Amino acid sequence: MSNASLLSRRTLVKAAAAVPLVAILRRPAHAAEFTYKLATGQDPTHPVNKRAQEAIDRIKEASSGKLEINLFPANQLGSDTDLLTQVRNGGVEFFNLSSLILATFVPAAGIVNLGFLFTSYDAVWKAMDGELGSYIRAQVAKTPIFTVSKAWDNGFRHITSSGREIRTAEDLKGFKLRVPAAPNLTSLFQALGAGPAPINFNEVYSALQTKVVDGQENPLPIIATARLYEVQKTCSLTGHVWDNYWILGNKRAFDKLPKDLQEIVTREFDRSAMDERADIARLSDSLRADLTGKGMQFIDVDRAAFRASLAKTSFYADWKAKFGDDAWAQLEKAAGKLG
């Protein structure tokens, strides 16, 4: 090739590089105007991800492809604490997070996660879809993030162990168990004399396998989908804390969406929230049998006795002082007198 030809070719390459890509490859009419991310910490098989994907698919269809949300399950984009930072700064636009961990940023989010509050789902949803839920959502909305939809269900949490069987509150004395990085759970187990160890969820299995901790606590769907039954022998049905998930959104990113797309997002995540609640309710009924078949032994406990033991400590009084009288009054409307 001659020098003149080389020069001509280089000139053409430089000219092409100077032209905006959209001028060369025009965006097809059906391509997304907005491409966002939704991160979760749950295994892909968990109902959270199944129902989130369904919501995402419906959002894409209802928006005629204008909004595309890509799902990243199982902490692919970072630990829960990392992702909480990312959704706050807009690194991810949506993030599904337990209220227990959200409470490290918005303390009011954890008011529903105190020990032995709710005895049934009727009480839970009356509170979360009513005044208490509205109060929590308003507190979250004072920050750079907000709650996109109704509360999703994480279920009632139970204690598992690879050694000591937990049958009474006394059995927790000196028992080292993993908890999320959540002050509510840490203080609950400290009040009952246990040794709580905050560990991110993506490290739980190895911590149990290597005996860094003796046990952990989680709802049955998490115990099942994370295969914790492989490294734990018993599950005590303490139901010590009910926990929910919030689909959190970055305000700046959400505000960039036209009003009609915002309404679609909220509507479809609300629909999936209700579907996911039903999933967890069904799983709570079936998983005991499934996990028993995988070798896990279940222990029924007297939850009222656990609550009575907790009430003898300063646990409820301490948290009332932190949350304040107004928030505490709303909580006791839903959960009854505490302490």
C-alpha atoms as a PDB file:
ATOM      1  CA  MET A   1       0.000   0.000   0.000  1.00  0.00           C
ATOM      2  CA  SER A   2       1.369   3.432  -0.957  1.00  0.00           C
ATOM      3  CA  ASN A   3       2.106   6.198   1.549  1.00  0.00           C
ATOM      4  CA  ALA A   4      -0.707   8.228   0.005  1.00  0.00           C
ATOM      5  CA  SER A   5      -3.156   5.388   0.586  1.00  0.00           C
ATOM      6  CA  LEU A   6      -2.015   4.995   4.208  1.00  0.00           C
ATOM      7  CA  LEU A   7      -2.440   8.720   4.800  1.00  0.00           C
ATOM      8  CA  SER A   8      -5.893   8.679   3.255  1.00  0.00           C
ATOM      9  CA  ARG A   9      -6.929   5.709   5.433  1.00  0.00           C
ATOM     10  CA  ARG A  10      -5.635   7.365   8.628  1.00  0.00           C
ATOM     11  CA  THR A  11      -7.538  10.560   7.762  1.00  0.00           C
ATOM     12  CA  LEU A  12     -10.771   8.587   7.348  1.00  0.00           C
ATOM     13  CA  VAL A  13     -10.261   6.798  10.686  1.00  0.00           C
ATOM     14  CA  LYS A  14      -9.642  10.095  12.483  1.00  0.00           C
ATOM     15  CA  ALA A  15     -12.706  11.654  10.867  1.00  0.00           C
ATOM     16  CA  ALA A  16     -14.876   8.708  11.899  1.00  0.00           C
ATOM     17  CA  ALA A  17     -13.577   8.894  15.466  1.00  0.00           C
ATOM     18  CA  ALA A  18     -14.592  12.539  15.648  1.00  0.00           C
ATOM     19  CA  VAL A  19     -18.215  11.766  14.741  1.00  0.00           C
ATOM     20  CA  PRO A  20     -20.502  10.917  17.692  1.00  0.00           C
ATOM     21  CA  LEU A  21     -21.345   7.230  17.824  1.00  0.00           C
ATOM     22  CA  VAL A  22     -25.075   7.974  17.667  1.00  0.00           C
ATOM     23  CA  ALA A  23     -24.527   9.573  14.290  1.00  0.00           C
ATOM     24  CA  ILE A  24     -23.004   6.355  12.995  1.00  0.00           C
ATOM     25  CA  LEU A  25     -25.203   3.847  14.822  1.00  0.00           C
ATOM     26  CA  ARG A  26     -28.542   5.496  15.379  1.00  0.00           C
ATOM     27  CA  ARG A  27     -30.485   4.073  18.323  1.00  0.00           C
ATOM     28  CA  PRO A  28     -33.266   1.794  17.086  1.00  0.00           C
ATOM     29  CA  ALA A  29     -36.739   3.072  17.854  1.00  0.00           C
ATOM     30  CA  HIS A  30     -37.353   0.242  20.328  1.00  0.00           C
ATOM     31  CA  ALA A  31     -34.107   0.619  22.311  1.00  0.00           C
ATOM     32  CA  ALA A  32     -34.268   1.684  25.946  1.00  0.00           C
ATOM     33  CA  GLU A  33     -34.071   5.384  26.774  1.00  0.00           C
ATOM     34  CA  PHE A  34     -33.199   4.480  30.362  1.00  0.00           C
ATOM     35  CA  THR A  35     -31.108   1.473  31.412  1.00  0.00           C
ATOM     36  CA  TYR A  36     -31.033   0.953  35.180  1.00  0.00           C
ATOM     37  CA  LYS A  37     -29.750  -1.703  37.563  1.00  0.00           C
ATOM     38  CA  LEU A  38     -31.541  -3.542  40.373  1.00  0.00           C
ATOM     39  CA  ALA A  39     -29.202  -5.285  42.820  1.00  0.00           C
ATOM     40  CA  THR A  40     -30.221  -7.888  45.386  1.00  0.00           C
ATOM     41  CA  GLY A  41     -28.378  -9.988  47.923  1.00  0.00           C
ATOM     42  CA  GLN A  42     -30.553 -13.077  47.513  1.00  0.00           C
ATOM     43  CA  ASP A  43     -29.825 -16.284  45.655  1.00  0.00           C
ATOM     44  CA  PRO A  44     -31.307 -16.337  42.121  1.00  0.00           C
ATOM     45  CA  THR A  45     -33.785 -19.026  43.242  1.00  0.00           C
ATOM     46  CA  HIS A  46     -35.223 -16.859  46.035  1.00  0.00           C
ATOM     47  CA  PRO A  47     -38.777 -15.501  45.461  1.00  0.00           C
ATOM     48  CA  VAL A  48     -37.404 -11.950  45.687  1.00  0.00           C
ATOM     49  CA  ASN A  49     -35.498 -12.439  42.440  1.00  0.00           C
ATOM     50  CA  LYS A  50     -38.234 -14.372  40.681  1.00  0.00           C
ATOM     51  CA  ARG A  51     -40.818 -11.685  41.412  1.00  0.00           C
ATOM     52  CA  ALA A  52     -38.383  -8.827  40.797  1.00  0.00           C
ATOM     53  CA  GLN A  53     -37.613 -10.232  37.349  1.00  0.00           C
ATOM     54  CA  GLU A  54     -41.319 -10.474  36.594  1.00  0.00           C
ATOM     55  CA  ALA A  55     -41.761  -6.833  37.622  1.00  0.00           C
ATOM     56  CA  ILE A  56     -38.817  -5.837  35.438  1.00  0.00           C
ATOM     57  CA  ASP A  57     -40.278  -7.685  32.444  1.00  0.00           C
ATOM     58  CA  ARG A  58     -43.672  -6.016  32.931  1.00  0.00           C
ATOM     59  CA  ILE A  59     -42.035  -2.597  33.293  1.00  0.00           C
ATOM     60  CA  LYS A  60     -40.192  -3.052  30.018  1.00  0.00           C
ATOM     61  CA  GLU A  61     -43.374  -4.138  28.252  1.00  0.00           C
ATOM     62  CA  ALA A  62     -45.583  -1.421  29.758  1.00  0.00           C
ATOM     63  CA  SER A  63     -43.020   1.262  28.935  1.00  0.00           C
ATOM     64  CA  SER A  64     -42.738   0.029  25.325  1.00  0.00           C
ATOM     65  CA  GLY A  65     -39.075  -0.697  25.997  1.00  0.00           C
ATOM     66  CA  LYS A  66     -38.243   2.830  27.169  1.00  0.00           C
ATOM     67  CA  LEU A  67     -37.097   1.609  30.597  1.00  0.00           C
ATOM     68  CA  GLU A  68     -34.909  -1.466  30.889  1.00  0.00           C
ATOM     69  CA  ILE A  69     -33.874  -2.654  34.356  1.00  0.00           C
ATOM     70  CA  ASN A  70     -31.200  -5.326  34.643  1.00  0.00           C
ATOM     71  CA  LEU A  71     -31.249  -7.624  37.671  1.00  0.00           C
ATOM     72  CA  PHE A  72     -28.028  -8.454  39.538  1.00  0.00           C
ATOM     73  CA  PRO A  73     -28.792 -11.038  42.274  1.00  0.00           C
ATOM     74  CA  ALA A  74     -26.621 -12.716  44.913  1.00  0.00           C
ATOM     75  CA  ASN A  75     -24.472  -9.672  45.781  1.00  0.00           C
ATOM     76  CA  GLN A  76     -22.884  -9.693  42.317  1.00  0.00           C
ATOM     77  CA  LEU A  77     -22.281  -5.936  42.583  1.00  0.00           C
ATOM     78  CA  GLY A  78     -21.027  -5.972  46.188  1.00  0.00           C
ATOM     79  CA  SER A  79     -22.013  -6.772  49.750  1.00  0.00           C
ATOM     80  CA  ASP A  80     -25.221  -5.378  51.219  1.00  0.00           C
ATOM     81  CA  THR A  81     -23.341  -2.601  52.966  1.00  0.00           C
ATOM     82  CA  ASP A  82     -21.458  -1.771  49.741  1.00  0.00           C
ATOM     83  CA  LEU A  83     -24.696  -1.678  47.773  1.00  0.00           C
ATOM     84  CA  LEU A  84     -26.388   0.566  50.289  1.00  0.00           C
ATOM     85  CA  THR A  85     -23.644   3.084  49.559  1.00  0.00           C
ATOM     86  CA  GLN A  86     -24.038   2.548  45.818  1.00  0.00           C
ATOM     87  CA  VAL A  87     -27.779   3.189  45.787  1.00  0.00           C
ATOM     88  CA  ARG A  88     -27.253   6.309  47.878  1.00  0.00           C
ATOM     89  CA  ASN A  89     -24.736   7.731  45.402  1.00  0.00           C
ATOM     90  CA  GLY A  90     -26.490   6.442  42.279  1.00  0.00           C
ATOM     91  CA  GLY A  91     -24.011   3.703  41.352  1.00  0.00           C
ATOM     92  CA  VAL A  92     -27.029   1.404  41.229  1.00  0.00           C
ATOM     93  CA  GLU A  93     -30.508   2.812  40.715  1.00  0.00           C
ATOM     94  CA  PHE A  94     -32.513   0.197  42.659  1.00  0.00           C
ATOM     95  CA  PHE A  95     -31.519  -2.105  45.494  1.00  0.00           C
ATOM     96  CA  ASN A  96     -33.460  -4.671  47.500  1.00  0.00           C
ATOM     97  CA  LEU A  97     -32.417  -4.483  51.162  1.00  0.00           C
ATOM     98  CA  SER A  98     -33.532  -5.885  54.494  1.00  0.00           C
ATOM     99  CA  SER A  99     -34.872  -3.241  56.849  1.00  0.00           C
ATOM    100  CA  LEU A 100     -32.441  -4.583  59.441  1.00  0.00           C
ATOM    101  CA  ILE A 101     -29.497  -3.341  57.401  1.00  0.00           C
ATOM    102  CA  LEU A 102     -31.279  -0.244  56.138  1.00  0.00           C
ATOM    103  CA  ALA A 103     -31.549   0.712  59.817  1.00  0.00           C
ATOM    104  CA  THR A 104     -27.785   1.339  59.866  1.00  0.00           C
ATOM    105  CA  PHE A 105     -28.504   4.344  57.612  1.00  0.00           C
ATOM    106  CA  VAL A 106     -32.122   5.177  58.521  1.00  0.00           C
ATOM    107  CA  PRO A 107     -32.581   4.071  62.151  1.00  0.00           C
ATOM    108  CA  ALA A 108     -36.391   4.305  61.993  1.00  0.00           C
ATOM    109  CA  ALA A 109     -36.445   1.516  59.387  1.00  0.00           C
ATOM    110  CA  GLY A 110     -35.490  -0.939  62.116  1.00  0.00           C
ATOM    111  CA  ILE A 111     -38.375  -0.225  64.452  1.00  0.00           C
ATOM    112  CA  VAL A 112     -40.263  -3.272  63.131  1.00  0.00           C
ATOM    113  CA  ASN A 113     -37.237  -5.489  63.723  1.00  0.00           C
ATOM    114  CA  LEU A 114     -37.180  -5.455  67.498  1.00  0.00           C
ATOM    115  CA  GLY A 115     -37.421  -8.754  69.343  1.00  0.00           C
ATOM    116  CA  PHE A 116     -40.678 -10.707  69.560  1.00  0.00           C
ATOM    117  CA  LEU A 117     -43.026  -7.967  68.284  1.00  0.00           C
ATOM    118  CA  PHE A 118     -45.475  -9.721  65.963  1.00  0.00           C
ATOM    119  CA  THR A 119     -47.220 -13.028  66.509  1.00  0.00           C
ATOM    120  CA  SER A 120     -48.891 -13.307  63.084  1.00  0.00           C
ATOM    121  CA  TYR A 121     -48.816 -12.022  59.534  1.00  0.00           C
ATOM    122  CA  ASP A 122     -52.203 -10.366  60.050  1.00  0.00           C
ATOM    123  CA  ALA A 123     -50.541  -8.079  62.585  1.00  0.00           C
ATOM    124  CA  VAL A 124     -47.499  -7.584  60.364  1.00  0.00           C
ATOM    125  CA  TRP A 125     -49.320  -6.409  57.242  1.00  0.00           C
ATOM    126  CA  LYS A 126     -51.803  -4.291  59.161  1.00  0.00           C
ATOM    127  CA  ALA A 127     -48.805  -2.405  60.525  1.00  0.00           C
ATOM    128  CA  MET A 128     -46.680  -2.281  57.374  1.00  0.00           C
ATOM    129  CA  ASP A 129     -49.499  -1.284  55.005  1.00  0.00           C
ATOM    130  CA  GLY A 130     -50.829   1.156  57.581  1.00  0.00           C
ATOM    131  CA  GLU A 131     -49.564   3.930  59.819  1.00  0.00           C
ATOM    132  CA  LEU A 132     -46.310   2.289  60.900  1.00  0.00           C
ATOM    133  CA  GLY A 133     -45.245   1.535  57.336  1.00  0.00           C
ATOM    134  CA  SER A 134     -46.092   5.085  56.255  1.00  0.00           C
ATOM    135  CA  TYR A 135     -44.021   6.481  59.111  1.00  0.00           C
ATOM    136  CA  ILE A 136     -40.975   4.391  58.108  1.00  0.00           C
ATOM    137  CA  ARG A 137     -41.257   5.295  54.428  1.00  0.00           C
ATOM    138  CA  ALA A 138     -41.414   8.988  55.310  1.00  0.00           C
ATOM    139  CA  GLN A 139     -38.195   8.708  57.314  1.00  0.00           C
ATOM    140  CA  VAL A 140     -36.387   6.933  54.445  1.00  0.00           C
ATOM    141  CA  ALA A 141     -37.595   9.630  52.032  1.00  0.00           C
ATOM    142  CA  LYS A 142     -35.687  12.273  54.003  1.00  0.00           C
ATOM    143  CA  THR A 143     -32.451  10.829  52.555  1.00  0.00           C
ATOM    144  CA  PRO A 144     -31.101  10.516  48.958  1.00  0.00           C
ATOM    145  CA  ILE A 145     -33.077   7.244  48.643  1.00  0.00           C
ATOM    146  CA  PHE A 146     -36.726   6.252  48.976  1.00  0.00           C
ATOM    147  CA  THR A 147     -38.910   3.139  49.062  1.00  0.00           C
ATOM    148  CA  VAL A 148     -40.188   2.332  45.581  1.00  0.00           C
ATOM    149  CA  SER A 149     -43.023   0.008  46.567  1.00  0.00           C
ATOM    150  CA  LYS A 150     -44.861  -1.723  49.370  1.00  0.00           C
ATOM    151  CA  ALA A 151     -42.830  -3.799  51.799  1.00  0.00           C
ATOM    152  CA  TRP A 152     -41.717  -7.230  50.607  1.00  0.00           C
ATOM    153  CA  ASP A 153     -41.530 -10.157  53.021  1.00  0.00           C
ATOM    154  CA  ASN A 154     -38.292 -11.529  54.406  1.00  0.00           C
ATOM    155  CA  GLY A 155     -40.144 -13.685  56.918  1.00  0.00           C
ATOM    156  CA  PHE A 156     -39.762 -14.499  60.595  1.00  0.00           C
ATOM    157  CA  ARG A 157     -36.188 -15.216  61.609  1.00  0.00           C
ATOM    158  CA  HIS A 158     -35.167 -18.430  63.372  1.00  0.00           C
ATOM    159  CA  ILE A 159     -31.950 -19.610  65.025  1.00  0.00           C
ATOM    160  CA  THR A 160     -29.885 -22.467  63.597  1.00  0.00           C
ATOM    161  CA  SER A 161     -26.961 -24.264  65.204  1.00  0.00           C
ATOM    162  CA  SER A 162     -24.340 -26.862  64.396  1.00  0.00           C
ATOM    163  CA  GLY A 163     -23.925 -27.845  68.050  1.00  0.00           C
ATOM    164  CA  ARG A 164     -25.871 -26.562  71.028  1.00  0.00           C
ATOM    165  CA  GLU A 165     -29.641 -26.897  70.761  1.00  0.00           C
ATOM    166  CA  ILE A 166     -31.486 -23.638  71.483  1.00  0.00           C
ATOM    167  CA  ARG A 167     -34.685 -24.473  73.379  1.00  0.00           C
ATOM    168  CA  THR A 168     -34.933 -21.635  75.895  1.00  0.00           C
ATOM    169  CA  ALA A 169     -33.535 -18.132  76.266  1.00  0.00           C
ATOM    170  CA  GLU A 170     -31.071 -19.586  78.788  1.00  0.00           C
ATOM    171  CA  ASP A 171     -29.527 -21.706  76.016  1.00  0.00           C
ATOM    172  CA  LEU A 172     -28.358 -18.540  74.273  1.00  0.00           C
ATOM    173  CA  LYS A 173     -25.923 -17.678  77.065  1.00  0.00           C
ATOM    174  CA  GLY A 174     -22.465 -17.531  75.477  1.00  0.00           C
ATOM    175  CA  PHE A 175     -23.764 -18.850  72.132  1.00  0.00           C
ATOM    176  CA  LYS A 176     -21.790 -17.288  69.276  1.00  0.00           C
ATOM    177  CA  LEU A 177     -23.958 -16.641  66.265  1.00  0.00           C
ATOM    178  CA  ARG A 178     -23.730 -14.660  63.076  1.00  0.00           C
ATOM    179  CA  VAL A 179     -26.042 -11.686  62.693  1.00  0.00           C
ATOM    180  CA  PRO A 180     -26.253  -9.063  59.921  1.00  0.00           C
ATOM    181  CA  ALA A 181     -24.563  -5.729  60.532  1.00  0.00           C
ATOM    182  CA  ALA A 182     -27.761  -4.598  62.256  1.00  0.00           C
ATOM    183  CA  PRO A 183     -27.864  -2.931  65.687  1.00  0.00           C
ATOM    184  CA  ASN A 184     -31.321  -4.356  66.470  1.00  0.00           C
ATOM    185  CA  LEU A 185     -30.196  -7.957  66.259  1.00  0.00           C
ATOM    186  CA  THR A 186     -26.868  -7.310  67.919  1.00  0.00           C
ATOM    187  CA  SER A 187     -28.554  -5.685  70.927  1.00  0.00           C
ATOM    188  CA  LEU A 188     -31.289  -8.354  71.056  1.00  0.00           C
ATOM    189  CA  PHE A 189     -28.823 -11.203  71.384  1.00  0.00           C
ATOM    190  CA  GLN A 190     -26.553  -9.270  73.694  1.00  0.00           C
ATOM    191  CA  ALA A 191     -29.559  -8.689  75.980  1.00  0.00           C
ATOM    192  CA  LEU A 192     -30.216 -12.444  75.988  1.00  0.00           C
ATOM    193  CA  GLY A 193     -26.571 -13.201  76.829  1.00  0.00           C
ATOM    194  CA  ALA A 194     -25.443 -14.518  73.428  1.00  0.00           C
ATOM    195  CA  GLY A 195     -22.347 -13.485  71.469  1.00  0.00           C
ATOM    196  CA  PRO A 196     -23.570 -11.920  68.219  1.00  0.00           C
ATOM    197  CA  ALA A 197     -20.976 -11.539  65.437  1.00  0.00           C
ATOM    198  CA  PRO A 198     -21.877  -9.178  62.553  1.00  0.00           C
ATOM    199  CA  ILE A 199     -20.845 -10.817  59.257  1.00  0.00           C
ATOM    200  CA  ASN A 200     -21.951  -9.895  55.717  1.00  0.00           C
ATOM    201  CA  PHE A 201     -24.300 -12.421  54.176  1.00  0.00           C
ATOM    202  CA  ASN A 202     -21.956 -13.413  51.358  1.00  0.00           C
ATOM    203  CA  GLU A 203     -19.551 -14.738  54.036  1.00  0.00           C
ATOM    204  CA  VAL A 204     -22.096 -16.616  56.184  1.00  0.00           C
ATOM    205  CA  TYR A 205     -21.732 -20.106  54.704  1.00  0.00           C
ATOM    206  CA  SER A 206     -17.942 -20.159  55.079  1.00  0.00           C
ATOM    207  CA  ALA A 207     -18.153 -18.702  58.617  1.00  0.00           C
ATOM    208  CA  LEU A 208     -20.446 -21.572  59.624  1.00  0.00           C
ATOM    209  CA  GLN A 209     -18.425 -24.175  57.762  1.00  0.00           C
ATOM    210  CA  THR A 210     -15.172 -23.136  59.433  1.00  0.00           C
ATOM    211  CA  LYS A 211     -16.824 -22.755  62.874  1.00  0.00           C
ATOM    212  CA  VAL A 212     -16.032 -19.047  63.137  1.00  0.00           C
ATOM    213  CA  VAL A 213     -19.523 -18.949  64.647  1.00  0.00           C
ATOM    214  CA  ASP A 214     -21.690 -21.737  66.124  1.00  0.00           C
ATOM    215  CA  GLY A 215     -24.910 -20.679  64.473  1.00  0.00           C
ATOM    216  CA  GLN A 216     -26.863 -18.000  62.667  1.00  0.00           C
ATOM    217  CA  GLU A 217     -30.406 -16.709  62.349  1.00  0.00           C
ATOM    218  CA  ASN A 218     -32.488 -16.191  59.208  1.00  0.00           C
ATOM    219  CA  PRO A 219     -35.926 -16.911  57.734  1.00  0.00           C
ATOM    220  CA  LEU A 220     -36.480 -20.417  56.376  1.00  0.00           C
ATOM    221  CA  PRO A 221     -36.380 -19.375  52.677  1.00  0.00           C
ATOM    222  CA  ILE A 222     -32.885 -17.952  53.201  1.00  0.00           C
ATOM    223  CA  ILE A 223     -31.771 -21.054  55.109  1.00  0.00           C
ATOM    224  CA  ALA A 224     -32.998 -23.134  52.176  1.00  0.00           C
ATOM    225  CA  THR A 225     -31.811 -21.123  49.176  1.00  0.00           C
ATOM    226  CA  ALA A 226     -28.400 -20.402  50.731  1.00  0.00           C
ATOM    227  CA  ARG A 227     -28.070 -24.129  51.599  1.00  0.00           C
ATOM    228  CA  LEU A 228     -27.244 -23.346  55.215  1.00  0.00           C
ATOM    229  CA  TYR A 229     -28.733 -26.708  56.198  1.00  0.00           C
ATOM    230  CA  GLU A 230     -25.508 -28.235  54.866  1.00  0.00           C
ATOM    231  CA  VAL A 231     -23.525 -26.662  57.717  1.00  0.00           C
ATOM    232  CA  GLN A 232     -26.200 -26.481  60.460  1.00  0.00           C
ATOM    233  CA  LYS A 233     -27.928 -29.322  62.320  1.00  0.00           C
ATOM    234  CA  THR A 234     -30.870 -27.778  64.172  1.00  0.00           C
ATOM    235  CA  CYS A 235     -33.331 -24.943  63.638  1.00  0.00           C
ATOM    236  CA  SER A 236     -35.118 -23.457  66.643  1.00  0.00           C
ATOM    237  CA  LEU A 237     -38.391 -21.855  65.549  1.00  0.00           C
ATOM    238  CA  THR A 238     -37.964 -18.741  67.655  1.00  0.00           C
ATOM    239  CA  GLY A 239     -39.515 -16.302  65.178  1.00  0.00           C
ATOM    240  CA  HIS A 240     -37.620 -13.753  67.242  1.00  0.00           C
ATOM    241  CA  VAL A 241     -37.738 -10.989  64.640  1.00  0.00           C
ATOM    242  CA  TRP A 242     -39.891 -10.379  61.595  1.00  0.00           C
ATOM    243  CA  ASP A 243     -38.052  -8.689  58.781  1.00  0.00           C
ATOM    244  CA  ASN A 244     -39.028  -7.111  55.501  1.00  0.00           C
ATOM    245  CA  TYR A 245     -37.307  -6.028  52.338  1.00  0.00           C
ATOM    246  CA  TRP A 246     -37.595  -2.595  50.784  1.00  0.00           C
ATOM    247  CA  ILE A 247     -36.956  -1.954  47.103  1.00  0.00           C
ATOM    248  CA  LEU A 248     -34.932   1.216  47.450  1.00  0.00           C
ATOM    249  CA  GLY A 249     -34.508   3.745  44.673  1.00  0.00           C
ATOM    250  CA  ASN A 250     -32.005   6.514  44.117  1.00  0.00           C
ATOM    251  CA  LYS A 251     -34.050   9.736  44.036  1.00  0.00           C
ATOM    252  CA  ARG A 252     -32.019  11.470  41.336  1.00  0.00           C
ATOM    253  CA  ALA A 253     -32.256   8.502  39.006  1.00  0.00           C
ATOM    254  CA  PHE A 254     -35.966   8.059  39.625  1.00  0.00           C
ATOM    255  CA  ASP A 255     -36.654  11.759  39.092  1.00  0.00           C
ATOM    256  CA  LYS A 256     -35.064  11.505  35.631  1.00  0.00           C
ATOM    257  CA  LEU A 257     -37.888   9.189  34.567  1.00  0.00           C
ATOM    258  CA  PRO A 258     -41.023  10.734  33.078  1.00  0.00           C
ATOM    259  CA  LYS A 259     -44.054  10.636  35.367  1.00  0.00           C
ATOM    260  CA  ASP A 260     -45.722   7.821  33.420  1.00  0.00           C
ATOM    261  CA  LEU A 261     -42.631   5.616  33.783  1.00  0.00           C
ATOM    262  CA  GLN A 262     -42.425   6.350  37.504  1.00  0.00           C
ATOM    263  CA  GLU A 263     -46.028   5.218  37.896  1.00  0.00           C
ATOM    264  CA  ILE A 264     -45.323   2.018  35.957  1.00  0.00           C
ATOM    265  CA  VAL A 265     -42.325   1.212  38.165  1.00  0.00           C
ATOM    266  CA  THR A 266     -44.255   1.676  41.401  1.00  0.00           C
ATOM    267  CA  ARG A 267     -47.305  -0.207  40.134  1.00  0.00           C
ATOM    268  CA  GLU A 268     -45.345  -3.241  38.953  1.00  0.00           C
ATOM    269  CA  PHE A 269     -43.092  -3.469  42.007  1.00  0.00           C
ATOM    270  CA  ASP A 270     -46.203  -3.186  44.217  1.00  0.00           C
ATOM    271  CA  ARG A 271     -47.763  -6.086  42.314  1.00  0.00           C
ATOM    272  CA  SER A 272     -44.635  -8.191  42.712  1.00  0.00           C
ATOM    273  CA  ALA A 273     -44.464  -7.308  46.410  1.00  0.00           C
ATOM    274  CA  MET A 274     -47.878  -8.901  46.920  1.00  0.00           C
ATOM    275  CA  ASP A 275     -46.875 -11.955  44.867  1.00  0.00           C
ATOM    276  CA  GLU A 276     -43.647 -12.333  46.840  1.00  0.00           C
ATOM    277  CA  ARG A 277     -45.522 -12.120  50.163  1.00  0.00           C
ATOM    278  CA  ALA A 278     -47.696 -15.025  49.055  1.00  0.00           C
ATOM    279  CA  ASP A 279     -44.595 -16.974  47.983  1.00  0.00           C
ATOM    280  CA  ILE A 280     -42.967 -16.574  51.397  1.00  0.00           C
ATOM    281  CA  ALA A 281     -46.171 -17.588  53.181  1.00  0.00           C
ATOM    282  CA  ARG A 282     -46.333 -20.787  51.126  1.00  0.00           C
ATOM    283  CA  LEU A 283     -42.655 -21.512  51.638  1.00  0.00           C
ATOM    284  CA  SER A 284     -42.942 -21.020  55.378  1.00  0.00           C
ATOM    285  CA  ASP A 285     -45.513 -23.813  55.379  1.00  0.00           C
ATOM    286  CA  SER A 286     -43.592 -26.212  53.129  1.00  0.00           C
ATOM    287  CA  LEU A 287     -39.941 -25.620  53.985  1.00  0.00           C
ATOM    288  CA  ARG A 288     -40.034 -27.287  57.384  1.00  0.00           C
ATOM    289  CA  ALA A 289     -40.791 -30.587  55.690  1.00  0.00           C
ATOM    290  CA  ASP A 290     -38.294 -29.943  52.891  1.00  0.00           C
ATOM    291  CA  LEU A 291     -35.469 -29.046  55.262  1.00  0.00           C
ATOM    292  CA  THR A 292     -36.276 -31.979  57.544  1.00  0.00           C
ATOM    293  CA  GLY A 293     -35.791 -34.183  54.496  1.00  0.00           C
ATOM    294  CA  LYS A 294     -32.356 -32.623  54.045  1.00  0.00           C
ATOM    295  CA  GLY A 295     -31.369 -33.583  57.587  1.00  0.00           C
ATOM    296  CA  MET A 296     -32.244 -30.497  59.604  1.00  0.00           C
ATOM    297  CA  GLN A 297     -33.925 -31.040  62.975  1.00  0.00           C
ATOM    298  CA  PHE A 298     -36.589 -28.536  64.038  1.00  0.00           C
ATOM    299  CA  ILE A 299     -37.196 -27.438  67.624  1.00  0.00           C
ATOM    300  CA  ASP A 300     -40.475 -25.789  68.643  1.00  0.00           C
ATOM    301  CA  VAL A 301     -39.962 -23.227  71.393  1.00  0.00           C
ATOM    302  CA  ASP A 302     -42.152 -21.152  73.695  1.00  0.00           C
ATOM    303  CA  ARG A 303     -41.901 -17.729  72.069  1.00  0.00           C
ATOM    304  CA  ALA A 304     -43.840 -16.053  74.876  1.00  0.00           C
ATOM    305  CA  ALA A 305     -41.215 -17.273  77.331  1.00  0.00           C
ATOM    306  CA  PHE A 306     -38.460 -15.767  75.172  1.00  0.00           C
ATOM    307  CA  ARG A 307     -40.335 -12.457  75.058  1.00  0.00           C
ATOM    308  CA  ALA A 308     -40.771 -12.540  78.833  1.00  0.00           C
ATOM    309  CA  SER A 309     -37.040 -13.107  79.288  1.00  0.00           C
ATOM    310  CA  LEU A 310     -36.295 -10.188  76.994  1.00  0.00           C
ATOM    311  CA  ALA A 311     -38.765  -7.947  78.842  1.00  0.00           C
ATOM    312  CA  LYS A 312     -36.793  -8.481  82.048  1.00  0.00           C
ATOM    313  CA  THR A 313     -33.822  -6.709  80.467  1.00  0.00           C
ATOM    314  CA  SER A 314     -33.525  -3.041  79.470  1.00  0.00           C
ATOM    315  CA  PHE A 315     -33.901  -3.941  75.763  1.00  0.00           C
ATOM    316  CA  TYR A 316     -37.316  -2.362  75.105  1.00  0.00           C
ATOM    317  CA  ALA A 317     -36.672   0.690  77.302  1.00  0.00           C
ATOM    318  CA  ASP A 318     -33.357   1.330  75.559  1.00  0.00           C
ATOM    319  CA  TRP A 319     -34.925   1.213  72.101  1.00  0.00           C
ATOM    320  CA  LYS A 320     -37.879   3.352  73.154  1.00  0.00           C
ATOM    321  CA  ALA A 321     -35.393   6.039  74.210  1.00  0.00           C
ATOM    322  CA  LYS A 322     -33.702   5.838  70.802  1.00  0.00           C
ATOM    323  CA  PHE A 323     -36.839   5.868  68.658  1.00  0.00           C
ATOM    324  CA  GLY A 324     -38.796   8.419  70.700  1.00  0.00           C
ATOM    325  CA  ASP A 325     -42.286   8.463  72.171  1.00  0.00           C
ATOM    326  CA  ASP A 326     -44.184   9.134  68.920  1.00  0.00           C
ATOM    327  CA  ALA A 327     -42.622   6.259  66.993  1.00  0.00           C
ATOM    328  CA  TRP A 328     -42.929   3.970  70.005  1.00  0.00           C
ATOM    329  CA  ALA A 329     -46.635   4.766  70.368  1.00  0.00           C
ATOM    330  CA  GLN A 330     -47.188   3.746  66.738  1.00  0.00           C
ATOM    331  CA  LEU A 331     -45.245   0.536  67.295  1.00  0.00           C
ATOM    332  CA  GLU A 332     -47.261  -0.425  70.376  1.00  0.00           C
ATOM    333  CA  LYS A 333     -50.489   0.153  68.423  1.00  0.00           C
ATOM    334  CA  ALA A 334     -49.388  -2.693  66.183  1.00  0.00           C
ATOM    335  CA  ALA A 335     -47.470  -4.954  68.581  1.00  0.00           C
ATOM    336  CA  GLY A 336     -49.082  -4.343  71.964  1.00  0.00           C
ATOM    337  CA  LYS A 337     -47.439  -3.125  75.134  1.00  0.00           C
ATOM    338  CA  LEU A 338     -43.677  -3.758  75.188  1.00  0.00           C
ATOM    339  CA  GLY A 339     -41.481  -4.091  78.257  1.00  0.00           C
END
